[in-house]
């Protein structure tokens, strides 16, 4: 979603799970073996969660530059446009220790009339930003009692701001907070990305 558009959060749609699985399968097929993992992430991947009606998908790769080159044509054929976002938000308290390469990504967006909108995040396998996207999803799936509170926050935030750029900037510190709790859960349960 372009950063100047008004964010719109809608109630959970049970069809998102099936749509996300089908989208991931299509992308796995189109991108080939360079796509080590293709995962439905973000709020549409969490049962019961309100969300912007946009799929977030993460593709994990060994090399970002090689993948960006290899993915350009197959993604363009599927209606994706590459955008110039090259780095994720670094969680609060980790800025000083962060190697910029650890939070690098490549990003594509699809906004076509005849297909579901998608934000496609390509991240290096084993990187902190790849891990955080999966951890955030899996902690929310394992903690359904947190879903209504996070959904309510998103509804209030979307109503209070005029654009998705501000929406993301305000949401980041809350995601940072969830990340702290989720890391404690991961340590307690032995959670690992991709099982």
N, C-alpha and C. Protein backbone atom coordinates (compact mmCIF):
# COMPACT_ATOMS: atom_id res chain seq x y z
N UNK A 1 0.85 -1.18 0.00
CA UNK A 1 0.00 0.00 0.00
C UNK A 1 0.89 1.24 0.00
N UNK A 2 0.67 2.15 -0.91
CA UNK A 2 1.48 3.37 -0.92
C UNK A 2 1.40 4.09 0.42
N UNK A 3 2.52 4.69 0.88
CA UNK A 3 2.56 5.27 2.22
C UNK A 3 1.64 6.46 2.42
N UNK A 4 1.09 7.04 1.33
CA UNK A 4 0.21 8.20 1.48
C UNK A 4 -1.26 7.83 1.54
N UNK A 5 -1.62 6.55 1.35
CA UNK A 5 -3.01 6.15 1.39
C UNK A 5 -3.50 5.97 2.83
N UNK A 6 -4.79 6.19 3.03
CA UNK A 6 -5.42 6.00 4.33
C UNK A 6 -5.47 4.50 4.65
N UNK A 7 -4.99 4.07 5.82
CA UNK A 7 -5.08 2.65 6.16
C UNK A 7 -6.52 2.27 6.51
N UNK A 8 -6.94 1.11 6.07
CA UNK A 8 -8.28 0.61 6.37
C UNK A 8 -8.12 -0.79 6.95
N UNK A 9 -8.52 -0.96 8.21
CA UNK A 9 -8.47 -2.24 8.89
C UNK A 9 -9.87 -2.84 8.85
N UNK A 10 -9.96 -4.11 8.46
CA UNK A 10 -11.26 -4.78 8.34
C UNK A 10 -11.28 -6.01 9.25
N UNK A 11 -12.47 -6.51 9.58
CA UNK A 11 -12.54 -7.73 10.40
C UNK A 11 -11.88 -8.92 9.71
N UNK A 12 -11.48 -9.87 10.52
CA UNK A 12 -10.85 -11.08 10.00
C UNK A 12 -11.74 -11.77 8.97
N UNK A 13 -11.12 -12.24 7.92
CA UNK A 13 -11.82 -13.00 6.88
C UNK A 13 -11.25 -14.42 6.90
N UNK A 14 -12.07 -15.42 7.23
CA UNK A 14 -11.56 -16.80 7.27
C UNK A 14 -10.96 -17.26 5.94
N UNK A 15 -11.34 -16.62 4.83
CA UNK A 15 -10.79 -17.00 3.52
C UNK A 15 -9.33 -16.60 3.37
N UNK A 16 -8.81 -15.74 4.24
CA UNK A 16 -7.42 -15.33 4.14
C UNK A 16 -6.46 -16.52 4.27
N UNK A 17 -6.78 -17.48 5.12
CA UNK A 17 -5.87 -18.63 5.30
C UNK A 17 -5.72 -19.40 3.99
N UNK A 18 -6.83 -19.71 3.35
CA UNK A 18 -6.78 -20.44 2.08
C UNK A 18 -6.11 -19.60 0.99
N UNK A 19 -6.48 -18.33 0.92
CA UNK A 19 -5.88 -17.44 -0.07
C UNK A 19 -4.39 -17.30 0.11
N UNK A 20 -3.95 -17.21 1.36
CA UNK A 20 -2.52 -17.11 1.63
C UNK A 20 -1.77 -18.38 1.23
N UNK A 21 -2.36 -19.54 1.52
CA UNK A 21 -1.73 -20.81 1.14
C UNK A 21 -1.62 -20.93 -0.38
N UNK A 22 -2.68 -20.55 -1.08
CA UNK A 22 -2.67 -20.63 -2.55
C UNK A 22 -1.64 -19.66 -3.13
N UNK A 23 -1.57 -18.47 -2.57
CA UNK A 23 -0.61 -17.48 -3.04
C UNK A 23 0.82 -17.98 -2.83
N UNK A 24 1.10 -18.54 -1.65
CA UNK A 24 2.45 -19.06 -1.36
C UNK A 24 2.81 -20.19 -2.32
N UNK A 25 1.86 -21.07 -2.62
CA UNK A 25 2.12 -22.17 -3.55
C UNK A 25 2.43 -21.63 -4.94
N UNK A 26 1.68 -20.63 -5.39
CA UNK A 26 1.91 -20.03 -6.70
C UNK A 26 3.30 -19.39 -6.76
N UNK A 27 3.67 -18.70 -5.69
CA UNK A 27 4.98 -18.05 -5.66
C UNK A 27 6.11 -19.07 -5.60
N UNK A 28 5.94 -20.15 -4.82
CA UNK A 28 6.95 -21.21 -4.76
C UNK A 28 7.22 -21.76 -6.15
N UNK A 29 6.15 -22.01 -6.88
CA UNK A 29 6.26 -22.55 -8.22
C UNK A 29 6.95 -21.56 -9.17
N UNK A 30 6.59 -20.29 -9.07
CA UNK A 30 7.14 -19.27 -9.98
C UNK A 30 8.60 -18.94 -9.67
N UNK A 31 8.98 -18.98 -8.40
CA UNK A 31 10.31 -18.51 -8.01
C UNK A 31 11.36 -19.60 -7.98
N UNK A 32 10.94 -20.85 -7.92
CA UNK A 32 11.88 -21.96 -8.00
C UNK A 32 12.73 -22.13 -6.75
N UNK A 33 13.86 -22.86 -6.89
CA UNK A 33 14.64 -23.25 -5.72
C UNK A 33 15.35 -22.11 -5.00
N UNK A 34 15.47 -20.94 -5.62
CA UNK A 34 16.06 -19.80 -4.90
C UNK A 34 15.19 -19.36 -3.73
N UNK A 35 13.89 -19.65 -3.80
CA UNK A 35 12.98 -19.36 -2.69
C UNK A 35 13.05 -20.53 -1.71
N UNK A 36 13.87 -20.38 -0.68
CA UNK A 36 14.07 -21.47 0.28
C UNK A 36 12.81 -21.73 1.08
N UNK A 37 12.10 -20.68 1.44
CA UNK A 37 10.81 -20.77 2.14
C UNK A 37 9.92 -19.66 1.61
N UNK A 38 8.63 -19.95 1.51
CA UNK A 38 7.63 -18.94 1.15
C UNK A 38 6.53 -19.04 2.21
N UNK A 39 6.37 -17.99 3.00
CA UNK A 39 5.47 -18.02 4.15
C UNK A 39 4.46 -16.89 4.12
N UNK A 40 3.21 -17.23 4.42
CA UNK A 40 2.17 -16.24 4.66
C UNK A 40 2.43 -15.67 6.06
N UNK A 41 2.68 -14.38 6.15
CA UNK A 41 2.98 -13.72 7.43
C UNK A 41 2.00 -12.58 7.64
N UNK A 42 2.22 -11.80 8.67
CA UNK A 42 1.40 -10.62 8.91
C UNK A 42 0.03 -10.97 9.45
N UNK A 43 -0.78 -9.95 9.62
CA UNK A 43 -2.06 -10.11 10.30
C UNK A 43 -3.05 -11.01 9.58
N UNK A 44 -3.01 -11.05 8.24
CA UNK A 44 -3.95 -11.93 7.54
C UNK A 44 -3.62 -13.40 7.75
N UNK A 45 -2.46 -13.70 8.32
CA UNK A 45 -2.06 -15.09 8.58
C UNK A 45 -2.44 -15.55 9.99
N UNK A 46 -3.06 -14.68 10.77
CA UNK A 46 -3.38 -14.99 12.17
C UNK A 46 -4.89 -15.19 12.32
N UNK A 47 -5.34 -16.36 12.74
CA UNK A 47 -6.78 -16.59 12.91
C UNK A 47 -7.42 -15.55 13.82
N UNK A 48 -8.54 -14.99 13.37
CA UNK A 48 -9.29 -14.04 14.17
C UNK A 48 -8.78 -12.61 14.14
N UNK A 49 -7.64 -12.35 13.51
CA UNK A 49 -7.04 -11.02 13.56
C UNK A 49 -7.65 -10.09 12.51
N UNK A 50 -8.03 -8.90 12.94
CA UNK A 50 -8.40 -7.84 12.00
C UNK A 50 -7.14 -7.40 11.27
N UNK A 51 -7.31 -6.93 10.04
CA UNK A 51 -6.12 -6.59 9.25
C UNK A 51 -6.50 -5.66 8.12
N UNK A 52 -5.49 -5.02 7.54
CA UNK A 52 -5.67 -4.43 6.23
C UNK A 52 -5.86 -5.60 5.27
N UNK A 53 -6.74 -5.49 4.32
CA UNK A 53 -7.06 -6.61 3.42
C UNK A 53 -5.97 -6.74 2.35
N UNK A 54 -4.77 -7.03 2.83
CA UNK A 54 -3.58 -7.14 1.99
C UNK A 54 -2.76 -8.31 2.53
N UNK A 55 -2.41 -9.23 1.66
CA UNK A 55 -1.56 -10.35 2.09
C UNK A 55 -0.12 -9.87 2.24
N UNK A 56 0.53 -10.36 3.29
CA UNK A 56 1.97 -10.22 3.43
C UNK A 56 2.57 -11.61 3.25
N UNK A 57 3.56 -11.69 2.39
CA UNK A 57 4.26 -12.95 2.15
C UNK A 57 5.75 -12.69 2.31
N UNK A 58 6.42 -13.63 2.96
CA UNK A 58 7.87 -13.55 3.11
C UNK A 58 8.51 -14.68 2.32
N UNK A 59 9.49 -14.32 1.50
CA UNK A 59 10.30 -15.30 0.78
C UNK A 59 11.70 -15.26 1.38
N UNK A 60 12.16 -16.39 1.87
CA UNK A 60 13.49 -16.49 2.47
C UNK A 60 14.47 -17.01 1.42
N UNK A 61 15.62 -16.34 1.32
CA UNK A 61 16.60 -16.65 0.29
C UNK A 61 18.00 -16.68 0.89
N UNK A 62 18.94 -17.26 0.15
CA UNK A 62 20.33 -17.29 0.61
C UNK A 62 21.04 -15.98 0.33
N UNK A 63 20.72 -15.33 -0.79
CA UNK A 63 21.42 -14.12 -1.22
C UNK A 63 20.40 -13.13 -1.76
N UNK A 64 20.31 -11.96 -1.14
CA UNK A 64 19.28 -10.98 -1.53
C UNK A 64 19.49 -10.44 -2.94
N UNK A 65 20.72 -10.10 -3.28
CA UNK A 65 20.96 -9.52 -4.61
C UNK A 65 20.71 -10.53 -5.72
N UNK A 66 21.18 -11.75 -5.52
CA UNK A 66 20.96 -12.79 -6.53
C UNK A 66 19.47 -13.08 -6.67
N UNK A 67 18.75 -13.12 -5.55
CA UNK A 67 17.32 -13.38 -5.60
C UNK A 67 16.58 -12.24 -6.28
N UNK A 68 16.97 -11.00 -5.99
CA UNK A 68 16.30 -9.86 -6.61
C UNK A 68 16.42 -9.93 -8.13
N UNK A 69 17.58 -10.31 -8.61
CA UNK A 69 17.77 -10.46 -10.06
C UNK A 69 16.95 -11.62 -10.61
N UNK A 70 17.02 -12.76 -9.94
CA UNK A 70 16.32 -13.96 -10.40
C UNK A 70 14.80 -13.80 -10.34
N UNK A 71 14.31 -13.05 -9.36
CA UNK A 71 12.86 -12.94 -9.14
C UNK A 71 12.20 -11.87 -10.01
N UNK A 72 12.98 -10.97 -10.57
CA UNK A 72 12.39 -9.81 -11.26
C UNK A 72 11.40 -10.22 -12.35
N UNK A 73 11.78 -11.08 -13.25
CA UNK A 73 10.90 -11.46 -14.36
C UNK A 73 9.70 -12.28 -13.90
N UNK A 74 9.89 -13.34 -13.08
CA UNK A 74 8.70 -14.10 -12.67
C UNK A 74 7.72 -13.28 -11.84
N UNK A 75 8.23 -12.38 -11.01
CA UNK A 75 7.31 -11.54 -10.22
C UNK A 75 6.60 -10.53 -11.11
N UNK A 76 7.30 -9.95 -12.06
CA UNK A 76 6.65 -9.02 -12.99
C UNK A 76 5.53 -9.73 -13.76
N UNK A 77 5.75 -10.98 -14.13
CA UNK A 77 4.73 -11.75 -14.85
C UNK A 77 3.49 -11.98 -13.99
N UNK A 78 3.66 -11.97 -12.67
CA UNK A 78 2.53 -12.13 -11.75
C UNK A 78 1.93 -10.79 -11.30
N UNK A 79 2.41 -9.69 -11.88
CA UNK A 79 1.85 -8.38 -11.57
C UNK A 79 2.52 -7.64 -10.44
N UNK A 80 3.70 -8.11 -10.01
CA UNK A 80 4.41 -7.45 -8.91
C UNK A 80 5.34 -6.36 -9.45
N UNK A 81 5.45 -5.30 -8.67
CA UNK A 81 6.35 -4.19 -8.98
C UNK A 81 7.34 -4.06 -7.82
N UNK A 82 8.61 -3.95 -8.16
CA UNK A 82 9.62 -3.79 -7.11
C UNK A 82 9.63 -2.34 -6.64
N UNK A 83 9.69 -2.17 -5.32
CA UNK A 83 9.73 -0.85 -4.70
C UNK A 83 11.07 -0.67 -3.99
N UNK A 84 11.47 0.58 -3.74
CA UNK A 84 12.85 0.84 -3.28
C UNK A 84 13.06 0.71 -1.77
N UNK A 85 12.30 -0.16 -1.10
CA UNK A 85 12.52 -0.36 0.34
C UNK A 85 13.58 -1.44 0.51
N UNK A 86 14.71 -1.08 1.12
CA UNK A 86 15.84 -1.99 1.21
C UNK A 86 16.17 -2.42 2.63
N UNK A 87 15.40 -1.93 3.61
CA UNK A 87 15.73 -2.24 5.00
C UNK A 87 14.47 -2.20 5.84
N UNK A 88 14.39 -3.11 6.80
CA UNK A 88 13.28 -3.14 7.74
C UNK A 88 13.59 -2.26 8.95
N UNK A 89 12.53 -1.91 9.65
CA UNK A 89 12.64 -1.24 10.95
C UNK A 89 13.46 -2.13 11.90
N UNK A 90 14.40 -1.54 12.60
CA UNK A 90 15.18 -2.26 13.61
C UNK A 90 14.50 -2.04 14.96
N UNK A 91 14.16 -3.11 15.69
CA UNK A 91 13.45 -2.96 16.96
C UNK A 91 14.19 -2.05 17.94
N UNK A 92 13.42 -1.30 18.70
CA UNK A 92 13.97 -0.40 19.71
C UNK A 92 14.88 -1.18 20.65
N UNK A 93 16.02 -0.58 20.98
CA UNK A 93 16.98 -1.22 21.86
C UNK A 93 18.00 -2.07 21.13
N UNK A 94 17.79 -2.30 19.83
CA UNK A 94 18.73 -3.13 19.07
C UNK A 94 19.47 -2.32 18.00
N UNK A 95 19.21 -1.01 17.96
CA UNK A 95 19.81 -0.18 16.92
C UNK A 95 21.34 -0.19 16.97
N UNK A 96 21.92 -0.11 18.17
CA UNK A 96 23.37 -0.01 18.29
C UNK A 96 24.08 -1.31 17.90
N UNK A 97 23.43 -2.44 18.13
CA UNK A 97 24.05 -3.73 17.82
C UNK A 97 23.75 -4.18 16.40
N UNK A 98 22.84 -3.49 15.74
CA UNK A 98 22.34 -3.97 14.45
C UNK A 98 23.35 -3.75 13.33
N UNK A 99 23.64 -4.81 12.62
CA UNK A 99 24.37 -4.73 11.37
C UNK A 99 23.33 -4.43 10.29
N UNK A 100 23.50 -3.35 9.53
CA UNK A 100 22.48 -3.03 8.52
C UNK A 100 22.16 -4.20 7.60
N UNK A 101 23.13 -5.04 7.31
CA UNK A 101 22.89 -6.19 6.43
C UNK A 101 21.90 -7.17 7.05
N UNK A 102 21.85 -7.22 8.39
CA UNK A 102 20.94 -8.14 9.07
C UNK A 102 19.48 -7.75 8.90
N UNK A 103 19.21 -6.50 8.59
CA UNK A 103 17.83 -6.02 8.48
C UNK A 103 17.49 -5.63 7.04
N UNK A 104 18.35 -6.05 6.11
CA UNK A 104 18.12 -5.76 4.69
C UNK A 104 16.99 -6.62 4.15
N UNK A 105 16.34 -6.13 3.10
CA UNK A 105 15.33 -6.91 2.40
C UNK A 105 15.18 -6.36 1.00
N UNK A 106 14.41 -7.06 0.20
CA UNK A 106 13.94 -6.56 -1.08
C UNK A 106 12.43 -6.66 -1.03
N UNK A 107 11.77 -5.75 -1.71
CA UNK A 107 10.32 -5.61 -1.51
C UNK A 107 9.59 -5.40 -2.83
N UNK A 108 8.54 -6.17 -3.02
CA UNK A 108 7.66 -6.02 -4.18
C UNK A 108 6.23 -5.83 -3.68
N UNK A 109 5.43 -5.19 -4.51
CA UNK A 109 4.02 -4.96 -4.20
C UNK A 109 3.18 -5.36 -5.41
N UNK A 110 2.01 -5.91 -5.15
CA UNK A 110 1.07 -6.17 -6.24
C UNK A 110 -0.25 -5.51 -5.90
N UNK A 111 -0.69 -4.62 -6.80
CA UNK A 111 -1.98 -3.94 -6.66
C UNK A 111 -2.62 -3.92 -8.06
N UNK A 112 -3.22 -5.04 -8.44
CA UNK A 112 -3.88 -5.11 -9.73
C UNK A 112 -5.37 -5.32 -9.50
N UNK A 113 -6.16 -4.94 -10.47
CA UNK A 113 -7.62 -4.96 -10.31
C UNK A 113 -8.17 -6.37 -10.13
N UNK A 114 -7.55 -7.36 -10.73
CA UNK A 114 -8.14 -8.70 -10.75
C UNK A 114 -7.49 -9.68 -9.78
N UNK A 115 -6.61 -9.21 -8.90
CA UNK A 115 -5.95 -10.11 -7.95
C UNK A 115 -5.92 -9.46 -6.56
N UNK A 116 -5.74 -10.30 -5.55
CA UNK A 116 -5.64 -9.80 -4.18
C UNK A 116 -4.36 -8.98 -4.03
N UNK A 117 -4.42 -7.88 -3.27
CA UNK A 117 -3.20 -7.10 -3.04
C UNK A 117 -2.21 -7.86 -2.15
N UNK A 118 -0.92 -7.68 -2.46
CA UNK A 118 0.14 -8.40 -1.75
C UNK A 118 1.33 -7.49 -1.50
N UNK A 119 1.89 -7.59 -0.30
CA UNK A 119 3.21 -7.05 0.01
C UNK A 119 4.15 -8.24 0.09
N UNK A 120 5.19 -8.26 -0.74
CA UNK A 120 6.11 -9.39 -0.80
C UNK A 120 7.46 -8.96 -0.26
N UNK A 121 7.85 -9.56 0.87
CA UNK A 121 9.10 -9.22 1.55
C UNK A 121 10.10 -10.35 1.29
N UNK A 122 11.23 -10.04 0.68
CA UNK A 122 12.28 -11.03 0.45
C UNK A 122 13.39 -10.74 1.45
N UNK A 123 13.67 -11.74 2.30
CA UNK A 123 14.65 -11.57 3.37
C UNK A 123 15.63 -12.74 3.36
N UNK A 124 16.81 -12.47 3.89
CA UNK A 124 17.84 -13.51 3.94
C UNK A 124 17.49 -14.54 5.00
N UNK A 125 17.55 -15.81 4.63
CA UNK A 125 17.28 -16.90 5.57
C UNK A 125 18.23 -16.80 6.75
N UNK A 126 17.68 -16.91 7.95
CA UNK A 126 18.48 -16.83 9.16
C UNK A 126 18.72 -15.44 9.69
N UNK A 127 18.23 -14.43 8.99
CA UNK A 127 18.43 -13.04 9.45
C UNK A 127 17.43 -12.69 10.56
N UNK A 128 17.75 -11.67 11.37
CA UNK A 128 16.82 -11.28 12.42
C UNK A 128 15.46 -10.83 11.90
N UNK A 129 15.43 -10.16 10.74
CA UNK A 129 14.13 -9.69 10.24
C UNK A 129 13.29 -10.84 9.70
N UNK A 130 13.93 -11.86 9.12
CA UNK A 130 13.17 -13.06 8.72
C UNK A 130 12.58 -13.72 9.95
N UNK A 131 13.40 -13.88 10.99
CA UNK A 131 12.95 -14.53 12.23
C UNK A 131 11.81 -13.77 12.87
N UNK A 132 11.92 -12.44 12.95
CA UNK A 132 10.90 -11.64 13.63
C UNK A 132 9.54 -11.78 12.96
N UNK A 133 9.51 -11.79 11.64
CA UNK A 133 8.22 -11.91 10.93
C UNK A 133 7.54 -13.23 11.27
N UNK A 134 8.30 -14.31 11.33
CA UNK A 134 7.74 -15.62 11.65
C UNK A 134 7.38 -15.73 13.13
N UNK A 135 8.23 -15.19 13.99
CA UNK A 135 7.97 -15.23 15.43
C UNK A 135 6.72 -14.45 15.78
N UNK A 136 6.57 -13.26 15.22
CA UNK A 136 5.40 -12.43 15.48
C UNK A 136 4.13 -13.19 15.11
N UNK A 137 4.12 -13.77 13.92
CA UNK A 137 2.96 -14.56 13.47
C UNK A 137 2.69 -15.74 14.40
N UNK A 138 3.72 -16.51 14.69
CA UNK A 138 3.52 -17.74 15.45
C UNK A 138 3.15 -17.47 16.90
N UNK A 139 3.70 -16.39 17.49
CA UNK A 139 3.31 -16.06 18.86
C UNK A 139 1.83 -15.66 18.91
N UNK A 140 1.39 -14.86 17.95
CA UNK A 140 -0.03 -14.48 17.93
C UNK A 140 -0.92 -15.69 17.70
N UNK A 141 -0.52 -16.61 16.84
CA UNK A 141 -1.30 -17.83 16.63
C UNK A 141 -1.38 -18.66 17.90
N UNK A 142 -0.30 -18.69 18.68
CA UNK A 142 -0.25 -19.48 19.91
C UNK A 142 -0.85 -18.75 21.10
N UNK A 143 -1.16 -17.47 20.94
CA UNK A 143 -1.66 -16.65 22.05
C UNK A 143 -2.95 -15.95 21.61
N UNK A 144 -4.01 -16.71 21.35
CA UNK A 144 -5.23 -16.11 20.81
C UNK A 144 -5.85 -15.05 21.72
N UNK A 145 -5.54 -15.11 23.01
CA UNK A 145 -6.08 -14.10 23.92
C UNK A 145 -5.49 -12.71 23.67
N UNK A 146 -4.36 -12.64 22.97
CA UNK A 146 -3.76 -11.35 22.63
C UNK A 146 -4.33 -10.75 21.34
N UNK A 147 -5.00 -11.58 20.55
CA UNK A 147 -5.48 -11.13 19.24
C UNK A 147 -6.48 -9.98 19.34
N UNK A 148 -7.50 -10.04 20.22
CA UNK A 148 -8.45 -8.92 20.27
C UNK A 148 -7.79 -7.59 20.66
N UNK A 149 -6.82 -7.61 21.56
CA UNK A 149 -6.17 -6.37 21.98
C UNK A 149 -5.35 -5.77 20.84
N UNK A 150 -4.61 -6.61 20.13
CA UNK A 150 -3.82 -6.10 19.02
C UNK A 150 -4.72 -5.61 17.89
N UNK A 151 -5.80 -6.34 17.64
CA UNK A 151 -6.76 -5.91 16.61
C UNK A 151 -7.38 -4.57 16.98
N UNK A 152 -7.74 -4.40 18.23
CA UNK A 152 -8.35 -3.13 18.68
C UNK A 152 -7.36 -1.98 18.49
N UNK A 153 -6.11 -2.22 18.86
CA UNK A 153 -5.08 -1.20 18.65
C UNK A 153 -5.02 -0.78 17.19
N UNK A 154 -5.06 -1.76 16.28
CA UNK A 154 -4.97 -1.44 14.85
C UNK A 154 -6.20 -0.66 14.37
N UNK A 155 -7.38 -1.03 14.84
CA UNK A 155 -8.59 -0.26 14.47
C UNK A 155 -8.47 1.19 14.92
N UNK A 156 -8.07 1.40 16.17
CA UNK A 156 -7.96 2.77 16.71
C UNK A 156 -6.89 3.54 15.96
N UNK A 157 -5.76 2.91 15.72
CA UNK A 157 -4.67 3.58 15.01
C UNK A 157 -5.09 3.96 13.59
N UNK A 158 -5.70 3.04 12.87
CA UNK A 158 -6.11 3.32 11.49
C UNK A 158 -7.10 4.49 11.44
N UNK A 159 -7.98 4.58 12.44
CA UNK A 159 -8.95 5.68 12.48
C UNK A 159 -8.28 7.01 12.82
N UNK A 160 -7.14 6.96 13.51
CA UNK A 160 -6.51 8.17 14.02
C UNK A 160 -5.49 8.80 13.07
N UNK A 161 -5.02 8.04 12.09
CA UNK A 161 -3.98 8.55 11.20
C UNK A 161 -4.51 8.66 9.77
N UNK A 162 -3.83 9.47 8.98
CA UNK A 162 -4.31 9.73 7.63
C UNK A 162 -3.58 8.94 6.55
N UNK A 163 -2.48 8.26 6.90
CA UNK A 163 -1.72 7.58 5.86
C UNK A 163 -1.02 6.34 6.42
N UNK A 164 -0.71 5.41 5.53
CA UNK A 164 -0.10 4.15 5.97
C UNK A 164 1.34 4.32 6.43
N UNK A 165 2.02 5.35 5.98
CA UNK A 165 3.37 5.60 6.48
C UNK A 165 3.35 5.90 7.97
N UNK A 166 2.45 6.79 8.39
CA UNK A 166 2.31 7.11 9.81
C UNK A 166 1.81 5.89 10.58
N UNK A 167 0.87 5.16 9.99
CA UNK A 167 0.35 3.94 10.60
C UNK A 167 1.50 2.98 10.93
N UNK A 168 2.40 2.77 9.97
CA UNK A 168 3.53 1.87 10.19
C UNK A 168 4.49 2.42 11.25
N UNK A 169 4.74 3.72 11.22
CA UNK A 169 5.66 4.33 12.19
C UNK A 169 5.15 4.20 13.62
N UNK A 170 3.84 4.35 13.81
CA UNK A 170 3.26 4.24 15.16
C UNK A 170 3.17 2.78 15.57
N UNK A 171 2.91 1.91 14.64
CA UNK A 171 2.76 0.48 14.95
C UNK A 171 4.09 -0.17 15.30
N UNK A 172 5.20 0.30 14.73
CA UNK A 172 6.50 -0.35 14.94
C UNK A 172 6.86 -0.53 16.42
N UNK A 173 6.71 0.50 17.28
CA UNK A 173 7.08 0.28 18.68
C UNK A 173 6.20 -0.75 19.39
N UNK A 174 4.95 -0.88 18.96
CA UNK A 174 4.08 -1.90 19.54
C UNK A 174 4.54 -3.29 19.10
N UNK A 175 4.92 -3.42 17.83
CA UNK A 175 5.49 -4.68 17.35
C UNK A 175 6.77 -4.99 18.11
N UNK A 176 7.58 -3.97 18.39
CA UNK A 176 8.80 -4.17 19.19
C UNK A 176 8.46 -4.76 20.56
N UNK A 177 7.41 -4.23 21.18
CA UNK A 177 6.99 -4.70 22.50
C UNK A 177 6.51 -6.14 22.42
N UNK A 178 5.68 -6.45 21.43
CA UNK A 178 5.23 -7.83 21.23
C UNK A 178 6.43 -8.74 21.01
N UNK A 179 7.42 -8.24 20.27
CA UNK A 179 8.61 -9.03 20.00
C UNK A 179 9.35 -9.45 21.25
N UNK A 180 9.39 -8.57 22.26
CA UNK A 180 10.06 -8.91 23.52
C UNK A 180 9.34 -10.08 24.19
N UNK A 181 8.02 -10.00 24.27
CA UNK A 181 7.23 -11.06 24.89
C UNK A 181 7.32 -12.34 24.05
N UNK A 182 7.28 -12.19 22.74
CA UNK A 182 7.35 -13.36 21.85
C UNK A 182 8.71 -14.06 21.97
N UNK A 183 9.78 -13.31 22.14
CA UNK A 183 11.10 -13.94 22.31
C UNK A 183 11.14 -14.75 23.61
N UNK A 184 10.50 -14.25 24.66
CA UNK A 184 10.44 -15.01 25.91
C UNK A 184 9.67 -16.31 25.70
N UNK A 185 8.57 -16.22 24.94
CA UNK A 185 7.78 -17.41 24.60
C UNK A 185 8.62 -18.39 23.79
N UNK A 186 9.39 -17.88 22.82
CA UNK A 186 10.23 -18.74 21.98
C UNK A 186 11.26 -19.48 22.83
N UNK A 187 11.88 -18.77 23.77
CA UNK A 187 12.87 -19.41 24.64
C UNK A 187 12.22 -20.48 25.52
N UNK A 188 11.02 -20.19 26.01
CA UNK A 188 10.31 -21.11 26.89
C UNK A 188 9.83 -22.37 26.14
N UNK A 189 9.40 -22.20 24.90
CA UNK A 189 8.79 -23.31 24.16
C UNK A 189 9.75 -24.01 23.21
N UNK A 190 10.93 -23.43 22.98
CA UNK A 190 11.85 -23.99 22.00
C UNK A 190 11.47 -23.70 20.56
N UNK A 191 10.64 -22.66 20.35
CA UNK A 191 10.22 -22.30 18.99
C UNK A 191 11.44 -21.98 18.12
N UNK A 192 11.37 -22.41 16.89
CA UNK A 192 12.39 -22.08 15.89
C UNK A 192 11.69 -21.72 14.59
N UNK A 193 12.26 -20.80 13.79
CA UNK A 193 11.67 -20.52 12.48
C UNK A 193 11.62 -21.80 11.65
N UNK A 194 10.57 -22.01 10.95
CA UNK A 194 10.38 -23.16 10.07
C UNK A 194 10.53 -24.48 10.81
N UNK A 195 10.05 -24.51 12.07
CA UNK A 195 10.01 -25.76 12.82
C UNK A 195 11.34 -26.12 13.40
